[in-house]
Amino acid sequence: MDTAHALITEYPGREVNLVAGSGTYFANRDRFFRVGARRWWRGTSFTKLGLEMTRLFDGTNEIEVADRFRAKYGVWLTGERSVSGAA
């Protein structure tokens, strides 16, 4: 993700391809790994993330859970923000 971002930023007119399957998500580091004093009272712990996602999942709604993760904690390079395709 970092390499793709660097290439897109440095060469905005060039096509950049990133191979990632439907089960591949990129987490926004700023949401999880705060710096400075903010690390003590902001950010999201992996425990909180795990609890939130597992409580949401009912065994049949994997797309809803994936969409929630990406909307709340994810980062992406394209305008497509949803696993289901709804931006």
Foldseek 3Di string as FASTA:
>chain_A
DVVQVVCCVVPVVDDDDDDDDLPDFAFDCCQAPPDDPVNVPGHDHVVNVVVVLVVVDPPPPPQVSQLVCQVPTTDDDDPQRGSVRDD
